[in-house]
C-alpha atoms as a PDB file:
ATOM      1  CA  MET A   1       0.000   0.000   0.000  1.00  0.00           C
ATOM      2  CA  LYS A   2       2.842   2.393   0.854  1.00  0.00           C
ATOM      3  CA  LYS A   3       4.467   1.595  -2.485  1.00  0.00           C
ATOM      4  CA  VAL A   4       1.310   2.571  -4.401  1.00  0.00           C
ATOM      5  CA  THR A   5       1.023   5.823  -2.447  1.00  0.00           C
ATOM      6  CA  LEU A   6       4.669   6.692  -3.071  1.00  0.00           C
ATOM      7  CA  ILE A   7       4.362   5.978  -6.797  1.00  0.00           C
ATOM      8  CA  SER A   8       1.184   8.093  -6.964  1.00  0.00           C
ATOM      9  CA  ILE A   9       2.933  11.018  -5.277  1.00  0.00           C
ATOM     10  CA  ILE A  10       5.932  10.787  -7.613  1.00  0.00           C
ATOM     11  CA  LEU A  11       3.730  10.622 -10.721  1.00  0.00           C
ATOM     12  CA  GLY A  12       1.651  13.543  -9.464  1.00  0.00           C
ATOM     13  CA  CYS A  13       4.770  15.655  -8.937  1.00  0.00           C
ATOM     14  CA  LEU A  14       6.073  14.786 -12.400  1.00  0.00           C
ATOM     15  CA  PHE A  15       2.779  15.838 -13.976  1.00  0.00           C
ATOM     16  CA  ILE A  16       2.633  19.129 -12.088  1.00  0.00           C
ATOM     17  CA  PHE A  17       6.234  20.089 -12.860  1.00  0.00           C
ATOM     18  CA  SER A  18       5.996  19.078 -16.536  1.00  0.00           C
ATOM     19  CA  CYS A  19       3.289  21.709 -16.954  1.00  0.00           C
ATOM     20  CA  SER A  20       4.865  24.442 -14.862  1.00  0.00           C
ATOM     21  CA  LYS A  21       4.314  28.024 -15.949  1.00  0.00           C
ATOM     22  CA  ASN A  22       6.990  29.311 -18.330  1.00  0.00           C
ATOM     23  CA  GLU A  23       7.597  32.662 -19.980  1.00  0.00           C
ATOM     24  CA  GLU A  24       5.042  33.648 -22.634  1.00  0.00           C
ATOM     25  CA  PRO A  25       6.327  33.749 -26.239  1.00  0.00           C
ATOM     26  CA  THR A  26       6.167  36.940 -28.296  1.00  0.00           C
ATOM     27  CA  PRO A  27       3.525  36.922 -31.049  1.00  0.00           C
ATOM     28  CA  LEU A  28       4.243  38.185 -34.556  1.00  0.00           C
ATOM     29  CA  ASP A  29       2.580  41.517 -35.317  1.00  0.00           C
ATOM     30  CA  LEU A  30       0.209  40.521 -38.140  1.00  0.00           C
ATOM     31  CA  SER A  31      -0.065  44.140 -39.299  1.00  0.00           C
ATOM     32  CA  THR A  32       3.531  43.875 -40.543  1.00  0.00           C
ATOM     33  CA  LEU A  33       2.720  41.048 -42.977  1.00  0.00           C
ATOM     34  CA  ASP A  34       2.887  41.961 -46.654  1.00  0.00           C
ATOM     35  CA  THR A  35      -0.551  40.924 -47.897  1.00  0.00           C
ATOM     36  CA  THR A  36      -0.219  42.439 -51.366  1.00  0.00           C
ATOM     37  CA  VAL A  37      -0.641  40.040 -54.267  1.00  0.00           C
ATOM     38  CA  THR A  38       2.591  39.276 -56.099  1.00  0.00           C
ATOM     39  CA  ASP A  39       3.359  37.280 -59.225  1.00  0.00           C
ATOM     40  CA  THR A  40       4.440  33.638 -58.996  1.00  0.00           C
ATOM     41  CA  THR A  41       8.074  34.452 -59.796  1.00  0.00           C
ATOM     42  CA  SER A  42       8.490  36.327 -56.516  1.00  0.00           C
ATOM     43  CA  ASN A  43       9.723  34.883 -53.236  1.00  0.00           C
ATOM     44  CA  ASP A  44       6.113  34.078 -52.207  1.00  0.00           C
ATOM     45  CA  GLN A  45       5.878  30.406 -51.280  1.00  0.00           C
ATOM     46  CA  SER A  46       2.100  30.217 -50.855  1.00  0.00           C
ATOM     47  CA  GLY A  47       1.777  27.719 -53.742  1.00  0.00           C
ATOM     48  CA  THR A  48       4.792  25.617 -52.762  1.00  0.00           C
ATOM     49  CA  ALA A  49       4.169  22.603 -50.554  1.00  0.00           C
ATOM     50  CA  LEU A  50       6.289  22.544 -47.410  1.00  0.00           C
ATOM     51  CA  MET A  51       6.452  19.371 -45.338  1.00  0.00           C
ATOM     52  CA  GLY A  52       7.676  18.294 -41.936  1.00  0.00           C
ATOM     53  CA  THR A  53       7.360  15.607 -39.286  1.00  0.00           C
ATOM     54  CA  PHE A  54       6.388  16.283 -35.688  1.00  0.00           C
ATOM     55  CA  LYS A  55       8.804  15.540 -32.868  1.00  0.00           C
ATOM     56  CA  GLY A  56       7.900  15.466 -29.214  1.00  0.00           C
ATOM     57  CA  SER A  57       9.228  18.040 -26.799  1.00  0.00           C
ATOM     58  CA  ALA A  58       7.595  18.061 -23.339  1.00  0.00           C
ATOM     59  CA  HIS A  59       5.059  15.451 -24.500  1.00  0.00           C
ATOM     60  CA  PRO A  60       5.014  12.772 -27.211  1.00  0.00           C
ATOM     61  CA  THR A  61       3.916  14.272 -30.539  1.00  0.00           C
ATOM     62  CA  SER A  62       4.212  12.619 -33.952  1.00  0.00           C
ATOM     63  CA  GLY A  63       2.877  12.629 -37.495  1.00  0.00           C
ATOM     64  CA  GLY A  64       3.222  14.690 -40.627  1.00  0.00           C
ATOM     65  CA  ALA A  65       2.390  18.288 -41.492  1.00  0.00           C
ATOM     66  CA  THR A  66       2.078  20.041 -44.853  1.00  0.00           C
ATOM     67  CA  ILE A  67       1.667  23.715 -45.704  1.00  0.00           C
ATOM     68  CA  GLU A  68       0.255  24.471 -49.138  1.00  0.00           C
ATOM     69  CA  ASN A  69      -1.716  27.473 -50.427  1.00  0.00           C
ATOM     70  CA  ASN A  70      -1.698  29.090 -46.968  1.00  0.00           C
ATOM     71  CA  VAL A  71      -3.314  26.061 -45.334  1.00  0.00           C
ATOM     72  CA  LEU A  72      -1.640  23.914 -42.673  1.00  0.00           C
ATOM     73  CA  LYS A  73      -2.706  20.286 -42.822  1.00  0.00           C
ATOM     74  CA  LEU A  74      -1.877  17.879 -40.022  1.00  0.00           C
ATOM     75  CA  HIS A  75      -1.862  14.386 -41.521  1.00  0.00           C
ATOM     76  CA  ASP A  76      -4.047  11.473 -40.468  1.00  0.00           C
ATOM     77  CA  ASP A  77      -1.068   9.993 -38.570  1.00  0.00           C
ATOM     78  CA  PHE A  78      -0.857  13.086 -36.309  1.00  0.00           C
ATOM     79  CA  LYS A  79      -0.943  12.331 -32.584  1.00  0.00           C
ATOM     80  CA  SER A  80      -0.217  14.346 -29.440  1.00  0.00           C
ATOM     81  CA  ASP A  81      -0.944  14.104 -25.736  1.00  0.00           C
ATOM     82  CA  SER A  82      -3.957  16.056 -24.554  1.00  0.00           C
ATOM     83  CA  GLY A  83      -3.503  19.171 -22.514  1.00  0.00           C
ATOM     84  CA  PRO A  84      -5.565  21.919 -20.928  1.00  0.00           C
ATOM     85  CA  ASP A  85      -5.113  24.679 -23.522  1.00  0.00           C
ATOM     86  CA  LEU A  86      -3.443  23.412 -26.722  1.00  0.00           C
ATOM     87  CA  TYR A  87      -2.985  25.732 -29.692  1.00  0.00           C
ATOM     88  CA  ILE A  88      -1.343  25.417 -33.090  1.00  0.00           C
ATOM     89  CA  TYR A  89       1.287  28.094 -33.725  1.00  0.00           C
ATOM     90  CA  LEU A  90       3.403  28.830 -36.760  1.00  0.00           C
ATOM     91  CA  ALA A  91       6.560  30.270 -35.209  1.00  0.00           C
ATOM     92  CA  GLN A  92      10.021  31.594 -35.985  1.00  0.00           C
ATOM     93  CA  GLU A  93      11.612  29.870 -32.990  1.00  0.00           C
ATOM     94  CA  LEU A  94      10.949  26.743 -30.934  1.00  0.00           C
ATOM     95  CA  ASN A  95      10.448  28.897 -27.836  1.00  0.00           C
ATOM     96  CA  GLY A  96       7.389  30.324 -29.607  1.00  0.00           C
ATOM     97  CA  ASP A  97       8.820  33.759 -30.402  1.00  0.00           C
ATOM     98  CA  GLY A  98       7.454  35.342 -33.553  1.00  0.00           C
ATOM     99  CA  PHE A  99       4.411  33.069 -33.521  1.00  0.00           C
ATOM    100  CA  ILE A 100       1.202  33.274 -35.504  1.00  0.00           C
ATOM    101  CA  ASP A 101      -1.736  31.771 -33.617  1.00  0.00           C
ATOM    102  CA  LEU A 102      -3.594  29.422 -35.980  1.00  0.00           C
ATOM    103  CA  GLY A 103      -6.164  28.565 -33.345  1.00  0.00           C
ATOM    104  CA  LEU A 104      -7.153  26.076 -30.713  1.00  0.00           C
ATOM    105  CA  MET A 105      -6.029  22.561 -31.635  1.00  0.00           C
ATOM    106  CA  LYS A 106      -9.066  20.767 -33.044  1.00  0.00           C
ATOM    107  CA  SER A 107      -8.073  17.249 -32.006  1.00  0.00           C
ATOM    108  CA  THR A 108      -5.133  15.389 -30.468  1.00  0.00           C
ATOM    109  CA  THR A 109      -5.263  12.825 -33.292  1.00  0.00           C
ATOM    110  CA  GLY A 110      -5.899  12.688 -36.993  1.00  0.00           C
ATOM    111  CA  GLU A 111      -6.183  14.948 -39.990  1.00  0.00           C
ATOM    112  CA  GLN A 112      -7.065  18.609 -39.444  1.00  0.00           C
ATOM    113  CA  THR A 113      -6.526  21.904 -41.264  1.00  0.00           C
ATOM    114  CA  TYR A 114      -5.764  25.471 -40.190  1.00  0.00           C
ATOM    115  CA  ASN A 115      -5.818  28.616 -42.346  1.00  0.00           C
ATOM    116  CA  ILE A 116      -2.660  30.730 -42.407  1.00  0.00           C
ATOM    117  CA  PRO A 117      -2.869  34.506 -43.008  1.00  0.00           C
ATOM    118  CA  ALA A 118      -1.584  35.751 -46.370  1.00  0.00           C
ATOM    119  CA  GLY A 119       1.900  37.223 -46.445  1.00  0.00           C
ATOM    120  CA  VAL A 120       3.615  34.823 -44.029  1.00  0.00           C
ATOM    121  CA  ASP A 121       7.317  34.297 -44.771  1.00  0.00           C
ATOM    122  CA  TYR A 122       7.776  30.534 -44.448  1.00  0.00           C
ATOM    123  CA  THR A 123      11.569  30.886 -44.499  1.00  0.00           C
ATOM    124  CA  LYS A 124      11.215  32.628 -41.121  1.00  0.00           C
ATOM    125  CA  ASN A 125       8.032  31.055 -39.724  1.00  0.00           C
ATOM    126  CA  LYS A 126       9.136  27.479 -40.321  1.00  0.00           C
ATOM    127  CA  TYR A 127       8.059  25.744 -37.109  1.00  0.00           C
ATOM    128  CA  VAL A 128       4.582  24.322 -36.522  1.00  0.00           C
ATOM    129  CA  LEU A 129       4.134  24.123 -32.755  1.00  0.00           C
ATOM    130  CA  VAL A 130       1.677  22.308 -30.529  1.00  0.00           C
ATOM    131  CA  TRP A 131       1.701  24.812 -27.679  1.00  0.00           C
ATOM    132  CA  CYS A 132       0.044  24.694 -24.258  1.00  0.00           C
ATOM    133  CA  LYS A 133      -0.952  28.328 -23.854  1.00  0.00           C
ATOM    134  CA  GLN A 134      -2.000  28.016 -20.206  1.00  0.00           C
ATOM    135  CA  TYR A 135       1.453  26.825 -19.080  1.00  0.00           C
ATOM    136  CA  SER A 136       3.624  28.053 -22.003  1.00  0.00           C
ATOM    137  CA  VAL A 137       4.820  24.524 -22.748  1.00  0.00           C
ATOM    138  CA  LEU A 138       5.903  23.198 -26.134  1.00  0.00           C
ATOM    139  CA  PHE A 139       4.280  19.773 -26.540  1.00  0.00           C
ATOM    140  CA  GLY A 140       5.850  19.098 -29.947  1.00  0.00           C
ATOM    141  CA  TYR A 141       6.933  20.683 -33.217  1.00  0.00           C
ATOM    142  CA  ALA A 142       7.495  20.112 -36.914  1.00  0.00           C
ATOM    143  CA  GLU A 143       9.990  22.056 -39.001  1.00  0.00           C
ATOM    144  CA  VAL A 144       8.446  22.555 -42.441  1.00  0.00           C
ATOM    145  CA  LYS A 145      10.702  22.976 -45.446  1.00  0.00           C
END
């Protein structure tokens, strides 16, 4: 009985500390995005498919991601742990800095899509993050290229 209690306490502590409050990332100012229409010979990558594979950070996260025509698609093999406040960010850094909030994560498994604002520079915003907003914890990420 003591062994079960001790294990429960240890697991409880691990859970609490894995979701401890961290520093908030800095969002990207969307008013600075160049939303003007350009020809296809420019550096605009909105028609080019970018792909990546999720890797776990604080929590196991896996599966594929594709960005094409300003839409992020998480593949049907996508899987992540559940959390209290999970969002999908497109960010410049793994710490979340320079992020664009694509919205509340729709599901912890399976195919799902998120619209990306026009004018995003995918050479800078190249990380798709599963981010716990409540505790500022990176669950997992995919670098798209």
